[in-house]
Amino acid sequence: MSEDTDPDASTAQPAPARATKALAEEVPPPGWERAILEKLVLATLQEQRSARRWRTFVRLAWLGFFVVVVWLGFQQSVDKPGESPAHTAVVHIKGEIAADTVASAELLVPSLRSAFEDAGARAVVLRVNSPGGSPVQAGIVHDEILRLKALHKKPVYAVVEESCASAAYYIAVAADHIYVDKASIVGSIGVLFDGFGFTGVMEKIGIERRLLTAGGNKGILDPFSPETPEHRAFAQSLLDQIHRQFIAVVKAGRGTRLKDQQDGSDVFTGLFWNGEQAIALGLADQLGSLDYVAREVVHAEDIVDYTRQENVAERLVKRFGLAVGQGIARSVAPHPALRGMAP
């Protein structure tokens, strides 16, 4: 009689033998400790090299920053006026008159000083194409023009192109004469403050404004709070006072050339006019372009532009310095709930 046979019987192994074989397969090969140690050492060296590269980059960046600062200071120190042929000096007043614009006092004042100090400049022409802007910036430029004009005894002319309104006209009245095109826009002698009020909208959609102040008037003109008659009257008094300052500057600059319009009430209401109308009202003197003034008035046809432009290096320095300053400010900033204590 034949016995039943299992086809896998010849390959089957006892359980202890299989366990021993599995353990043998899991045992790391010889020298595994050294391989892991080498990997750790290489990783550490790579991390140290990366840290050294970063430190080197930061040091080079700071070095480059200081080199640019020194270079800019050197450029400004050597940029002294010298002898030059007779010419008409021009300074552009273009765009919005405000801080951090090309028509800021920070850029216009050095431009004007360079123009006045150049011995070859027979006169200084303000080439105006601006809708206005900050009365503070305009006041700084206006006062500097008067100072430089008295110091250097040079005539100043304003030539209006597209527009000379509001704060731009504040500057222009410092000139001895104002020339316009017949279609130029001139005037807007007034002051405004604009804003928005959201209290009605907030009530409709169920939003409650929670404003805490220390000082009864700290929240004045807050757009999310109701406007009180007292706050409105206070703000209006400030605007009226600045308006009176503007009127006084215009009267001092234009003098008797201003035509009598019911004691100037029409001229100083914030209206604006074209060039021909401005001449009739005494806000401007006559028609004329930059070339006309240089040729027929100054008698120096060569025109030299003294307008100072912020170059790429200066913008880089300002942005880099701003980034550093913001980082410092954030590190020492007070709690958000106390930030409203700042004036």
C-alpha atoms as a PDB file:
ATOM      1  CA  MET A   1       0.000   0.000   0.000  1.00  0.00           C
ATOM      2  CA  SER A   2       1.429   3.373  -0.917  1.00  0.00           C
ATOM      3  CA  GLU A   3       1.523   6.287   1.600  1.00  0.00           C
ATOM      4  CA  ASP A   4      -0.014   9.704   0.824  1.00  0.00           C
ATOM      5  CA  THR A   5       2.751  12.263   0.283  1.00  0.00           C
ATOM      6  CA  ASP A   6       2.655  16.110   0.655  1.00  0.00           C
ATOM      7  CA  PRO A   7       4.220  17.828  -2.297  1.00  0.00           C
ATOM      8  CA  ASP A   8       5.619  20.611  -0.009  1.00  0.00           C
ATOM      9  CA  ALA A   9       6.884  18.223   2.623  1.00  0.00           C
ATOM     10  CA  SER A  10      10.383  18.197   1.197  1.00  0.00           C
ATOM     11  CA  THR A  11      10.688  22.048   1.421  1.00  0.00           C
ATOM     12  CA  ALA A  12       8.964  22.582   4.729  1.00  0.00           C
ATOM     13  CA  GLN A  13      11.175  23.715   7.666  1.00  0.00           C
ATOM     14  CA  PRO A  14      10.549  23.527  11.388  1.00  0.00           C
ATOM     15  CA  ALA A  15       9.364  26.800  13.058  1.00  0.00           C
ATOM     16  CA  PRO A  16      12.600  27.289  15.084  1.00  0.00           C
ATOM     17  CA  ALA A  17      14.623  27.084  11.893  1.00  0.00           C
ATOM     18  CA  ARG A  18      12.472  29.707  10.167  1.00  0.00           C
ATOM     19  CA  ALA A  19      12.790  32.113  13.109  1.00  0.00           C
ATOM     20  CA  THR A  20      16.561  31.731  13.180  1.00  0.00           C
ATOM     21  CA  LYS A  21      16.760  32.496   9.451  1.00  0.00           C
ATOM     22  CA  ALA A  22      14.588  35.658   9.843  1.00  0.00           C
ATOM     23  CA  LEU A  23      16.796  36.960  12.665  1.00  0.00           C
ATOM     24  CA  ALA A  24      19.851  36.343  10.545  1.00  0.00           C
ATOM     25  CA  GLU A  25      18.357  38.368   7.706  1.00  0.00           C
ATOM     26  CA  GLU A  26      17.571  41.373  10.035  1.00  0.00           C
ATOM     27  CA  VAL A  27      21.080  41.628  11.453  1.00  0.00           C
ATOM     28  CA  PRO A  28      22.816  44.751   9.914  1.00  0.00           C
ATOM     29  CA  PRO A  29      25.860  44.076   7.819  1.00  0.00           C
ATOM     30  CA  PRO A  30      29.293  44.589   9.347  1.00  0.00           C
ATOM     31  CA  GLY A  31      30.389  48.247   9.624  1.00  0.00           C
ATOM     32  CA  TRP A  32      26.914  49.761   9.789  1.00  0.00           C
ATOM     33  CA  GLU A  33      27.852  51.957  12.777  1.00  0.00           C
ATOM     34  CA  ARG A  34      30.603  53.613  10.771  1.00  0.00           C
ATOM     35  CA  ALA A  35      28.274  54.278   7.824  1.00  0.00           C
ATOM     36  CA  ILE A  36      25.697  56.021  10.032  1.00  0.00           C
ATOM     37  CA  LEU A  37      28.408  58.037  11.764  1.00  0.00           C
ATOM     38  CA  GLU A  38      29.779  59.182   8.413  1.00  0.00           C
ATOM     39  CA  LYS A  39      26.309  60.309   7.335  1.00  0.00           C
ATOM     40  CA  LEU A  40      25.870  62.305  10.543  1.00  0.00           C
ATOM     41  CA  VAL A  41      29.267  63.945  10.157  1.00  0.00           C
ATOM     42  CA  LEU A  42      28.562  64.868   6.510  1.00  0.00           C
ATOM     43  CA  ALA A  43      25.163  66.338   7.434  1.00  0.00           C
ATOM     44  CA  THR A  44      26.747  68.395  10.201  1.00  0.00           C
ATOM     45  CA  LEU A  45      29.440  69.713   7.857  1.00  0.00           C
ATOM     46  CA  GLN A  46      26.856  70.663   5.234  1.00  0.00           C
ATOM     47  CA  GLU A  47      24.814  72.528   7.838  1.00  0.00           C
ATOM     48  CA  GLN A  48      27.879  74.411   9.030  1.00  0.00           C
ATOM     49  CA  ARG A  49      28.796  75.336   5.456  1.00  0.00           C
ATOM     50  CA  SER A  50      25.266  76.627   4.838  1.00  0.00           C
ATOM     51  CA  ALA A  51      25.403  78.703   8.025  1.00  0.00           C
ATOM     52  CA  ARG A  52      28.784  80.163   7.008  1.00  0.00           C
ATOM     53  CA  ARG A  53      27.456  81.046   3.551  1.00  0.00           C
ATOM     54  CA  TRP A  54      24.443  82.796   5.061  1.00  0.00           C
ATOM     55  CA  ARG A  55      26.599  84.768   7.507  1.00  0.00           C
ATOM     56  CA  THR A  56      28.890  85.760   4.654  1.00  0.00           C
ATOM     57  CA  PHE A  57      25.914  86.886   2.554  1.00  0.00           C
ATOM     58  CA  VAL A  58      24.491  88.993   5.402  1.00  0.00           C
ATOM     59  CA  ARG A  59      27.863  90.637   6.033  1.00  0.00           C
ATOM     60  CA  LEU A  60      28.322  91.395   2.344  1.00  0.00           C
ATOM     61  CA  ALA A  61      24.799  92.823   2.167  1.00  0.00           C
ATOM     62  CA  TRP A  62      25.497  95.164   5.084  1.00  0.00           C
ATOM     63  CA  LEU A  63      28.842  96.111   3.547  1.00  0.00           C
ATOM     64  CA  GLY A  64      27.132  96.910   0.246  1.00  0.00           C
ATOM     65  CA  PHE A  65      24.513  98.964   2.071  1.00  0.00           C
ATOM     66  CA  PHE A  66      27.099 101.101   3.828  1.00  0.00           C
ATOM     67  CA  VAL A  67      29.120 101.479   0.628  1.00  0.00           C
ATOM     68  CA  VAL A  68      26.024 102.835  -1.130  1.00  0.00           C
ATOM     69  CA  VAL A  69      25.343 105.238   1.752  1.00  0.00           C
ATOM     70  CA  VAL A  70      28.925 106.527   1.699  1.00  0.00           C
ATOM     71  CA  TRP A  71      28.829 106.849  -2.091  1.00  0.00           C
ATOM     72  CA  LEU A  72      25.614 108.853  -1.992  1.00  0.00           C
ATOM     73  CA  GLY A  73      27.071 111.144   0.661  1.00  0.00           C
ATOM     74  CA  PHE A  74      30.190 111.623  -1.409  1.00  0.00           C
ATOM     75  CA  GLN A  75      28.166 112.378  -4.527  1.00  0.00           C
ATOM     76  CA  GLN A  76      26.156 115.009  -2.709  1.00  0.00           C
ATOM     77  CA  SER A  77      29.259 116.521  -1.155  1.00  0.00           C
ATOM     78  CA  VAL A  78      31.040 116.926  -4.476  1.00  0.00           C
ATOM     79  CA  ASP A  79      27.946 118.162  -6.313  1.00  0.00           C
ATOM     80  CA  LYS A  80      28.773 121.813  -5.775  1.00  0.00           C
ATOM     81  CA  PRO A  81      27.741 124.558  -8.128  1.00  0.00           C
ATOM     82  CA  GLY A  82      30.474 125.759 -10.368  1.00  0.00           C
ATOM     83  CA  GLU A  83      30.979 128.228 -13.136  1.00  0.00           C
ATOM     84  CA  SER A  84      28.818 127.527 -16.141  1.00  0.00           C
ATOM     85  CA  PRO A  85      27.680 129.447 -19.219  1.00  0.00           C
ATOM     86  CA  ALA A  86      24.671 131.714 -18.958  1.00  0.00           C
ATOM     87  CA  HIS A  87      21.458 129.721 -18.939  1.00  0.00           C
ATOM     88  CA  THR A  88      17.917 129.510 -17.611  1.00  0.00           C
ATOM     89  CA  ALA A  89      17.587 127.192 -14.616  1.00  0.00           C
ATOM     90  CA  VAL A  90      14.438 125.079 -14.482  1.00  0.00           C
ATOM     91  CA  VAL A  91      12.904 123.140 -11.617  1.00  0.00           C
ATOM     92  CA  HIS A  92       9.875 120.955 -12.361  1.00  0.00           C
ATOM     93  CA  ILE A  93       6.919 120.859  -9.982  1.00  0.00           C
ATOM     94  CA  LYS A  94       5.018 117.916 -11.378  1.00  0.00           C
ATOM     95  CA  GLY A  95       2.244 115.743 -10.021  1.00  0.00           C
ATOM     96  CA  GLU A  96       0.922 115.606  -6.496  1.00  0.00           C
ATOM     97  CA  ILE A  97       2.738 117.777  -3.971  1.00  0.00           C
ATOM     98  CA  ALA A  98       3.237 115.437  -1.043  1.00  0.00           C
ATOM     99  CA  ALA A  99       5.895 113.674   0.954  1.00  0.00           C
ATOM    100  CA  ASP A 100       7.543 110.750  -0.852  1.00  0.00           C
ATOM    101  CA  THR A 101       6.657 112.082  -4.319  1.00  0.00           C
ATOM    102  CA  VAL A 102       8.781 113.766  -6.976  1.00  0.00           C
ATOM    103  CA  ALA A 103       7.143 117.050  -5.945  1.00  0.00           C
ATOM    104  CA  SER A 104       8.022 116.741  -2.260  1.00  0.00           C
ATOM    105  CA  ALA A 105       9.879 119.434  -0.368  1.00  0.00           C
ATOM    106  CA  GLU A 106      12.632 116.877   0.254  1.00  0.00           C
ATOM    107  CA  LEU A 107      13.456 116.844  -3.463  1.00  0.00           C
ATOM    108  CA  LEU A 108      12.367 120.332  -4.542  1.00  0.00           C
ATOM    109  CA  VAL A 109      14.328 122.295  -1.943  1.00  0.00           C
ATOM    110  CA  PRO A 110      17.765 120.858  -2.921  1.00  0.00           C
ATOM    111  CA  SER A 111      16.847 121.383  -6.583  1.00  0.00           C
ATOM    112  CA  LEU A 112      16.048 125.025  -5.957  1.00  0.00           C
ATOM    113  CA  ARG A 113      19.239 125.562  -3.978  1.00  0.00           C
ATOM    114  CA  SER A 114      21.360 124.124  -6.767  1.00  0.00           C
ATOM    115  CA  ALA A 115      19.600 126.313  -9.325  1.00  0.00           C
ATOM    116  CA  PHE A 116      20.015 129.513  -7.314  1.00  0.00           C
ATOM    117  CA  GLU A 117      23.626 128.800  -6.352  1.00  0.00           C
ATOM    118  CA  ASP A 118      24.813 128.203  -9.910  1.00  0.00           C
ATOM    119  CA  ALA A 119      26.539 131.399 -11.005  1.00  0.00           C
ATOM    120  CA  GLY A 120      25.566 130.768 -14.621  1.00  0.00           C
ATOM    121  CA  ALA A 121      21.833 130.678 -13.902  1.00  0.00           C
ATOM    122  CA  ARG A 122      20.364 134.043 -14.920  1.00  0.00           C
ATOM    123  CA  ALA A 123      16.944 133.205 -13.518  1.00  0.00           C
ATOM    124  CA  VAL A 124      15.037 130.295 -12.004  1.00  0.00           C
ATOM    125  CA  VAL A 125      11.886 129.040 -13.699  1.00  0.00           C
ATOM    126  CA  LEU A 126       9.320 126.886 -11.906  1.00  0.00           C
ATOM    127  CA  ARG A 127       7.751 124.644 -14.524  1.00  0.00           C
ATOM    128  CA  VAL A 128       4.427 123.787 -12.898  1.00  0.00           C
ATOM    129  CA  ASN A 129       2.081 120.986 -13.835  1.00  0.00           C
ATOM    130  CA  SER A 130       0.355 119.924 -10.643  1.00  0.00           C
ATOM    131  CA  PRO A 131      -3.199 119.665  -9.259  1.00  0.00           C
ATOM    132  CA  GLY A 132      -1.972 120.510  -5.758  1.00  0.00           C
ATOM    133  CA  GLY A 133      -1.506 118.507  -2.610  1.00  0.00           C
ATOM    134  CA  SER A 134      -0.140 119.091   0.861  1.00  0.00           C
ATOM    135  CA  PRO A 135      -0.191 122.680   2.183  1.00  0.00           C
ATOM    136  CA  VAL A 136       2.699 121.786   4.476  1.00  0.00           C
ATOM    137  CA  GLN A 137       4.960 120.641   1.640  1.00  0.00           C
ATOM    138  CA  ALA A 138       3.909 123.629  -0.456  1.00  0.00           C
ATOM    139  CA  GLY A 139       4.598 126.009   2.424  1.00  0.00           C
ATOM    140  CA  ILE A 140       8.110 124.666   2.895  1.00  0.00           C
ATOM    141  CA  VAL A 141       8.919 125.092  -0.797  1.00  0.00           C
ATOM    142  CA  HIS A 142       7.286 128.539  -0.986  1.00  0.00           C
ATOM    143  CA  ASP A 143       9.255 129.865   1.983  1.00  0.00           C
ATOM    144  CA  GLU A 144      12.508 128.451   0.623  1.00  0.00           C
ATOM    145  CA  ILE A 145      11.947 130.178  -2.718  1.00  0.00           C
ATOM    146  CA  LEU A 146      11.482 133.517  -0.960  1.00  0.00           C
ATOM    147  CA  ARG A 147      14.633 132.976   1.100  1.00  0.00           C
ATOM    148  CA  LEU A 148      16.778 131.976  -1.888  1.00  0.00           C
ATOM    149  CA  LYS A 149      15.406 134.802  -4.023  1.00  0.00           C
ATOM    150  CA  ALA A 150      16.370 137.375  -1.400  1.00  0.00           C
ATOM    151  CA  LEU A 151      19.759 135.746  -0.807  1.00  0.00           C
ATOM    152  CA  HIS A 152      20.895 135.395  -4.432  1.00  0.00           C
ATOM    153  CA  LYS A 153      19.013 138.341  -5.972  1.00  0.00           C
ATOM    154  CA  LYS A 154      17.792 136.263  -8.904  1.00  0.00           C
ATOM    155  CA  PRO A 155      14.376 136.564 -10.558  1.00  0.00           C
ATOM    156  CA  VAL A 156      11.942 133.676 -10.323  1.00  0.00           C
ATOM    157  CA  TYR A 157       9.276 132.904 -12.898  1.00  0.00           C
ATOM    158  CA  ALA A 158       6.511 130.315 -12.846  1.00  0.00           C
ATOM    159  CA  VAL A 159       5.442 128.743 -16.133  1.00  0.00           C
ATOM    160  CA  VAL A 160       2.166 126.840 -15.928  1.00  0.00           C
ATOM    161  CA  GLU A 161       1.470 124.023 -18.349  1.00  0.00           C
ATOM    162  CA  GLU A 162      -1.611 121.859 -17.759  1.00  0.00           C
ATOM    163  CA  SER A 163      -2.553 122.942 -14.248  1.00  0.00           C
ATOM    164  CA  CYS A 164      -1.416 125.010 -11.308  1.00  0.00           C
ATOM    165  CA  ALA A 165      -4.061 124.485  -8.670  1.00  0.00           C
ATOM    166  CA  SER A 166      -4.349 124.565  -4.905  1.00  0.00           C
ATOM    167  CA  ALA A 167      -0.964 123.799  -3.275  1.00  0.00           C
ATOM    168  CA  ALA A 168       0.794 124.213  -6.627  1.00  0.00           C
ATOM    169  CA  TYR A 169      -0.506 127.767  -6.848  1.00  0.00           C
ATOM    170  CA  TYR A 170       0.626 128.264  -3.240  1.00  0.00           C
ATOM    171  CA  ILE A 171       4.169 127.666  -4.519  1.00  0.00           C
ATOM    172  CA  ALA A 172       3.740 129.621  -7.753  1.00  0.00           C
ATOM    173  CA  VAL A 173       2.855 132.904  -6.009  1.00  0.00           C
ATOM    174  CA  ALA A 174       6.422 133.025  -4.690  1.00  0.00           C
ATOM    175  CA  ALA A 175       7.511 133.793  -8.269  1.00  0.00           C
ATOM    176  CA  ASP A 176       7.906 137.320  -9.589  1.00  0.00           C
ATOM    177  CA  HIS A 177       5.682 136.597 -12.609  1.00  0.00           C
ATOM    178  CA  ILE A 178       3.376 133.741 -13.558  1.00  0.00           C
ATOM    179  CA  TYR A 179       3.066 132.707 -17.211  1.00  0.00           C
ATOM    180  CA  VAL A 180       0.269 130.434 -18.401  1.00  0.00           C
ATOM    181  CA  ASP A 181      -1.158 128.867 -21.509  1.00  0.00           C
ATOM    182  CA  LYS A 182      -4.596 130.111 -22.483  1.00  0.00           C
ATOM    183  CA  ALA A 183      -6.060 126.695 -21.595  1.00  0.00           C
ATOM    184  CA  SER A 184      -4.118 126.112 -18.357  1.00  0.00           C
ATOM    185  CA  ILE A 185      -6.129 125.477 -15.192  1.00  0.00           C
ATOM    186  CA  VAL A 186      -5.253 127.951 -12.434  1.00  0.00           C
ATOM    187  CA  GLY A 187      -6.621 128.647  -8.961  1.00  0.00           C
ATOM    188  CA  SER A 188      -8.545 126.414  -6.560  1.00  0.00           C
ATOM    189  CA  ILE A 189      -7.532 128.552  -3.597  1.00  0.00           C
ATOM    190  CA  GLY A 190      -9.186 126.551  -0.876  1.00  0.00           C
ATOM    191  CA  VAL A 191      -8.721 123.724   1.605  1.00  0.00           C
ATOM    192  CA  LEU A 192     -10.618 120.470   1.914  1.00  0.00           C
ATOM    193  CA  PHE A 193     -10.858 117.437   4.121  1.00  0.00           C
ATOM    194  CA  ASP A 194     -12.680 114.402   2.805  1.00  0.00           C
ATOM    195  CA  GLY A 195     -13.672 111.166   4.432  1.00  0.00           C
ATOM    196  CA  PHE A 196     -16.512 108.663   4.830  1.00  0.00           C
ATOM    197  CA  GLY A 197     -19.058 107.794   7.462  1.00  0.00           C
ATOM    198  CA  PHE A 198     -20.210 104.178   7.878  1.00  0.00           C
ATOM    199  CA  THR A 199     -22.482 104.410  10.905  1.00  0.00           C
ATOM    200  CA  GLY A 200     -25.742 103.937   8.954  1.00  0.00           C
ATOM    201  CA  VAL A 201     -24.408 100.923   7.071  1.00  0.00           C
ATOM    202  CA  MET A 202     -23.127  99.365  10.291  1.00  0.00           C
ATOM    203  CA  GLU A 203     -26.524  99.703  11.941  1.00  0.00           C
ATOM    204  CA  LYS A 204     -28.273  98.054   9.010  1.00  0.00           C
ATOM    205  CA  ILE A 205     -26.013  95.010   8.975  1.00  0.00           C
ATOM    206  CA  GLY A 206     -25.803  94.747  12.738  1.00  0.00           C
ATOM    207  CA  ILE A 207     -22.168  95.734  13.353  1.00  0.00           C
ATOM    208  CA  GLU A 208     -21.320  97.460  16.621  1.00  0.00           C
ATOM    209  CA  ARG A 209     -18.320  99.789  16.797  1.00  0.00           C
ATOM    210  CA  ARG A 210     -16.268  99.301  19.963  1.00  0.00           C
ATOM    211  CA  LEU A 211     -13.831 102.180  20.338  1.00  0.00           C
ATOM    212  CA  LEU A 212     -11.991 102.851  23.585  1.00  0.00           C
ATOM    213  CA  THR A 213     -10.161 106.150  23.972  1.00  0.00           C
ATOM    214  CA  ALA A 214      -8.298 107.994  26.672  1.00  0.00           C
ATOM    215  CA  GLY A 215      -9.294 111.588  26.073  1.00  0.00           C
ATOM    216  CA  GLY A 216     -12.740 112.765  25.172  1.00  0.00           C
ATOM    217  CA  ASN A 217     -11.804 113.859  21.650  1.00  0.00           C
ATOM    218  CA  LYS A 218      -9.307 111.148  20.713  1.00  0.00           C
ATOM    219  CA  GLY A 219     -11.839 109.515  18.397  1.00  0.00           C
ATOM    220  CA  ILE A 220     -12.624 112.703  16.469  1.00  0.00           C
ATOM    221  CA  LEU A 221     -13.367 112.125  12.768  1.00  0.00           C
ATOM    222  CA  ASP A 222     -13.496 108.358  13.279  1.00  0.00           C
ATOM    223  CA  PRO A 223     -15.464 107.131  10.221  1.00  0.00           C
ATOM    224  CA  PHE A 224     -17.203 104.412  12.240  1.00  0.00           C
ATOM    225  CA  SER A 225     -18.517 106.758  14.916  1.00  0.00           C
ATOM    226  CA  PRO A 226     -21.294 109.353  14.589  1.00  0.00           C
ATOM    227  CA  GLU A 227     -20.091 112.875  13.818  1.00  0.00           C
ATOM    228  CA  THR A 228     -20.877 115.345  16.578  1.00  0.00           C
ATOM    229  CA  PRO A 229     -21.544 119.058  15.988  1.00  0.00           C
ATOM    230  CA  GLU A 230     -18.621 119.911  18.254  1.00  0.00           C
ATOM    231  CA  HIS A 231     -16.172 117.762  16.297  1.00  0.00           C
ATOM    232  CA  ARG A 232     -17.424 119.125  12.992  1.00  0.00           C
ATOM    233  CA  ALA A 233     -17.057 122.710  14.181  1.00  0.00           C
ATOM    234  CA  PHE A 234     -13.547 122.033  15.439  1.00  0.00           C
ATOM    235  CA  ALA A 235     -12.436 120.485  12.133  1.00  0.00           C
ATOM    236  CA  GLN A 236     -14.043 123.330  10.182  1.00  0.00           C
ATOM    237  CA  SER A 237     -12.172 125.887  12.278  1.00  0.00           C
ATOM    238  CA  LEU A 238      -8.879 124.199  11.382  1.00  0.00           C
ATOM    239  CA  LEU A 239      -9.728 124.273   7.670  1.00  0.00           C
ATOM    240  CA  ASP A 240     -10.786 127.916   7.876  1.00  0.00           C
ATOM    241  CA  GLN A 241      -7.511 128.852   9.540  1.00  0.00           C
ATOM    242  CA  ILE A 242      -5.431 127.062   6.871  1.00  0.00           C
ATOM    243  CA  HIS A 243      -7.572 128.756   4.220  1.00  0.00           C
ATOM    244  CA  ARG A 244      -6.796 132.162   5.741  1.00  0.00           C
ATOM    245  CA  GLN A 245      -3.098 131.294   5.666  1.00  0.00           C
ATOM    246  CA  PHE A 246      -3.418 130.383   1.976  1.00  0.00           C
ATOM    247  CA  ILE A 247      -5.203 133.651   1.204  1.00  0.00           C
ATOM    248  CA  ALA A 248      -2.552 135.663   3.018  1.00  0.00           C
ATOM    249  CA  VAL A 249       0.205 133.978   0.992  1.00  0.00           C
ATOM    250  CA  VAL A 250      -1.597 134.681  -2.300  1.00  0.00           C
ATOM    251  CA  LYS A 251      -2.194 138.310  -1.398  1.00  0.00           C
ATOM    252  CA  ALA A 252       1.429 138.753  -0.367  1.00  0.00           C
ATOM    253  CA  GLY A 253       2.664 137.214  -3.609  1.00  0.00           C
ATOM    254  CA  ARG A 254       0.255 138.831  -6.049  1.00  0.00           C
ATOM    255  CA  GLY A 255      -0.328 142.141  -4.273  1.00  0.00           C
ATOM    256  CA  THR A 256      -2.210 144.777  -6.220  1.00  0.00           C
ATOM    257  CA  ARG A 257      -2.282 142.586  -9.333  1.00  0.00           C
ATOM    258  CA  LEU A 258      -5.287 140.762  -7.898  1.00  0.00           C
ATOM    259  CA  LYS A 259      -8.419 142.282  -9.366  1.00  0.00           C
ATOM    260  CA  ASP A 260     -11.069 143.471  -6.942  1.00  0.00           C
ATOM    261  CA  GLN A 261     -13.753 140.763  -6.973  1.00  0.00           C
ATOM    262  CA  GLN A 262     -15.918 141.753  -4.029  1.00  0.00           C
ATOM    263  CA  ASP A 263     -12.873 141.813  -1.765  1.00  0.00           C
ATOM    264  CA  GLY A 264     -11.523 138.679  -3.393  1.00  0.00           C
ATOM    265  CA  SER A 265     -14.420 136.493  -2.281  1.00  0.00           C
ATOM    266  CA  ASP A 266     -14.807 134.891  -5.717  1.00  0.00           C
ATOM    267  CA  VAL A 267     -11.088 134.300  -6.199  1.00  0.00           C
ATOM    268  CA  PHE A 268     -10.675 132.612  -2.816  1.00  0.00           C
ATOM    269  CA  THR A 269     -13.719 130.332  -2.862  1.00  0.00           C
ATOM    270  CA  GLY A 270     -11.888 127.347  -4.369  1.00  0.00           C
ATOM    271  CA  LEU A 271     -12.959 127.970  -7.960  1.00  0.00           C
ATOM    272  CA  PHE A 272     -10.501 127.546 -10.807  1.00  0.00           C
ATOM    273  CA  TRP A 273     -10.173 129.189 -14.202  1.00  0.00           C
ATOM    274  CA  ASN A 274      -8.426 128.804 -17.546  1.00  0.00           C
ATOM    275  CA  GLY A 275      -5.305 130.780 -18.356  1.00  0.00           C
ATOM    276  CA  GLU A 276      -7.035 133.731 -19.996  1.00  0.00           C
ATOM    277  CA  GLN A 277      -9.464 134.080 -17.113  1.00  0.00           C
ATOM    278  CA  ALA A 278      -6.634 133.782 -14.593  1.00  0.00           C
ATOM    279  CA  ILE A 279      -4.844 136.707 -16.249  1.00  0.00           C
ATOM    280  CA  ALA A 280      -8.030 138.771 -16.138  1.00  0.00           C
ATOM    281  CA  LEU A 281      -8.415 138.042 -12.413  1.00  0.00           C
ATOM    282  CA  GLY A 282      -4.782 138.831 -11.655  1.00  0.00           C
ATOM    283  CA  LEU A 283      -3.902 135.277 -10.699  1.00  0.00           C
ATOM    284  CA  ALA A 284      -1.412 135.161 -13.595  1.00  0.00           C
ATOM    285  CA  ASP A 285       0.458 137.801 -15.570  1.00  0.00           C
ATOM    286  CA  GLN A 286       0.566 136.826 -19.231  1.00  0.00           C
ATOM    287  CA  LEU A 287       0.648 134.019 -21.758  1.00  0.00           C
ATOM    288  CA  GLY A 288       3.993 132.325 -22.284  1.00  0.00           C
ATOM    289  CA  SER A 289       5.828 129.019 -22.441  1.00  0.00           C
ATOM    290  CA  LEU A 290       9.151 127.924 -20.998  1.00  0.00           C
ATOM    291  CA  ASP A 291      10.974 128.620 -24.253  1.00  0.00           C
ATOM    292  CA  TYR A 292       9.361 132.029 -24.489  1.00  0.00           C
ATOM    293  CA  VAL A 293      10.432 132.988 -20.973  1.00  0.00           C
ATOM    294  CA  ALA A 294      13.982 131.731 -21.511  1.00  0.00           C
ATOM    295  CA  ARG A 295      14.319 133.537 -24.831  1.00  0.00           C
ATOM    296  CA  GLU A 296      12.365 136.753 -24.365  1.00  0.00           C
ATOM    297  CA  VAL A 297      12.397 137.356 -20.609  1.00  0.00           C
ATOM    298  CA  VAL A 298      15.569 135.818 -19.214  1.00  0.00           C
ATOM    299  CA  HIS A 299      17.538 136.233 -22.481  1.00  0.00           C
ATOM    300  CA  ALA A 300      19.300 132.923 -21.904  1.00  0.00           C
ATOM    301  CA  GLU A 301      17.958 130.348 -24.340  1.00  0.00           C
ATOM    302  CA  ASP A 302      19.992 127.460 -22.933  1.00  0.00           C
ATOM    303  CA  ILE A 303      17.787 125.639 -20.450  1.00  0.00           C
ATOM    304  CA  VAL A 304      19.310 123.519 -17.695  1.00  0.00           C
ATOM    305  CA  ASP A 305      17.093 121.219 -15.631  1.00  0.00           C
ATOM    306  CA  TYR A 306      17.996 121.165 -11.924  1.00  0.00           C
ATOM    307  CA  THR A 307      15.121 118.960 -10.833  1.00  0.00           C
ATOM    308  CA  ARG A 308      16.457 116.355  -8.474  1.00  0.00           C
ATOM    309  CA  GLN A 309      15.225 112.808  -9.036  1.00  0.00           C
ATOM    310  CA  GLU A 310      15.536 110.028  -6.502  1.00  0.00           C
ATOM    311  CA  ASN A 311      17.860 107.491  -8.139  1.00  0.00           C
ATOM    312  CA  VAL A 312      17.833 103.729  -7.874  1.00  0.00           C
ATOM    313  CA  ALA A 313      20.548 103.646  -5.231  1.00  0.00           C
ATOM    314  CA  GLU A 314      18.671 106.055  -2.976  1.00  0.00           C
ATOM    315  CA  ARG A 315      15.465 104.070  -3.304  1.00  0.00           C
ATOM    316  CA  LEU A 316      17.371 100.890  -2.432  1.00  0.00           C
ATOM    317  CA  VAL A 317      18.878 102.502   0.641  1.00  0.00           C
ATOM    318  CA  LYS A 318      15.504 103.811   1.789  1.00  0.00           C
ATOM    319  CA  ARG A 319      13.761 100.484   1.311  1.00  0.00           C
ATOM    320  CA  PHE A 320      16.546  98.563   3.007  1.00  0.00           C
ATOM    321  CA  GLY A 321      16.568 101.013   5.907  1.00  0.00           C
ATOM    322  CA  LEU A 322      12.773 100.883   6.081  1.00  0.00           C
ATOM    323  CA  ALA A 323      12.818  97.089   6.287  1.00  0.00           C
ATOM    324  CA  VAL A 324      15.354  97.197   9.123  1.00  0.00           C
ATOM    325  CA  GLY A 325      13.377  99.916  10.907  1.00  0.00           C
ATOM    326  CA  GLN A 326      10.133  97.993  10.609  1.00  0.00           C
ATOM    327  CA  GLY A 327      11.782  94.903  12.059  1.00  0.00           C
ATOM    328  CA  ILE A 328      13.026  96.919  15.038  1.00  0.00           C
ATOM    329  CA  ALA A 329       9.640  98.598  15.447  1.00  0.00           C
ATOM    330  CA  ARG A 330       7.856  95.263  15.498  1.00  0.00           C
ATOM    331  CA  SER A 331      10.230  93.949  18.127  1.00  0.00           C
ATOM    332  CA  VAL A 332       9.542  96.859  20.486  1.00  0.00           C
ATOM    333  CA  ALA A 333       5.919  97.562  19.513  1.00  0.00           C
ATOM    334  CA  PRO A 334       3.449  97.826  22.407  1.00  0.00           C
ATOM    335  CA  HIS A 335       0.479  95.580  22.807  1.00  0.00           C
ATOM    336  CA  PRO A 336      -2.058  96.122  19.990  1.00  0.00           C
ATOM    337  CA  ALA A 337      -4.630  97.291  22.494  1.00  0.00           C
ATOM    338  CA  LEU A 338      -2.348 100.192  23.495  1.00  0.00           C
ATOM    339  CA  ARG A 339      -1.312 101.352  20.015  1.00  0.00           C
ATOM    340  CA  GLY A 340      -4.104 103.940  19.940  1.00  0.00           C
ATOM    341  CA  MET A 341      -2.214 105.859  22.641  1.00  0.00           C
ATOM    342  CA  ALA A 342       0.099 107.176  19.933  1.00  0.00           C
ATOM    343  CA  PRO A 343      -0.782 110.728  18.900  1.00  0.00           C
END
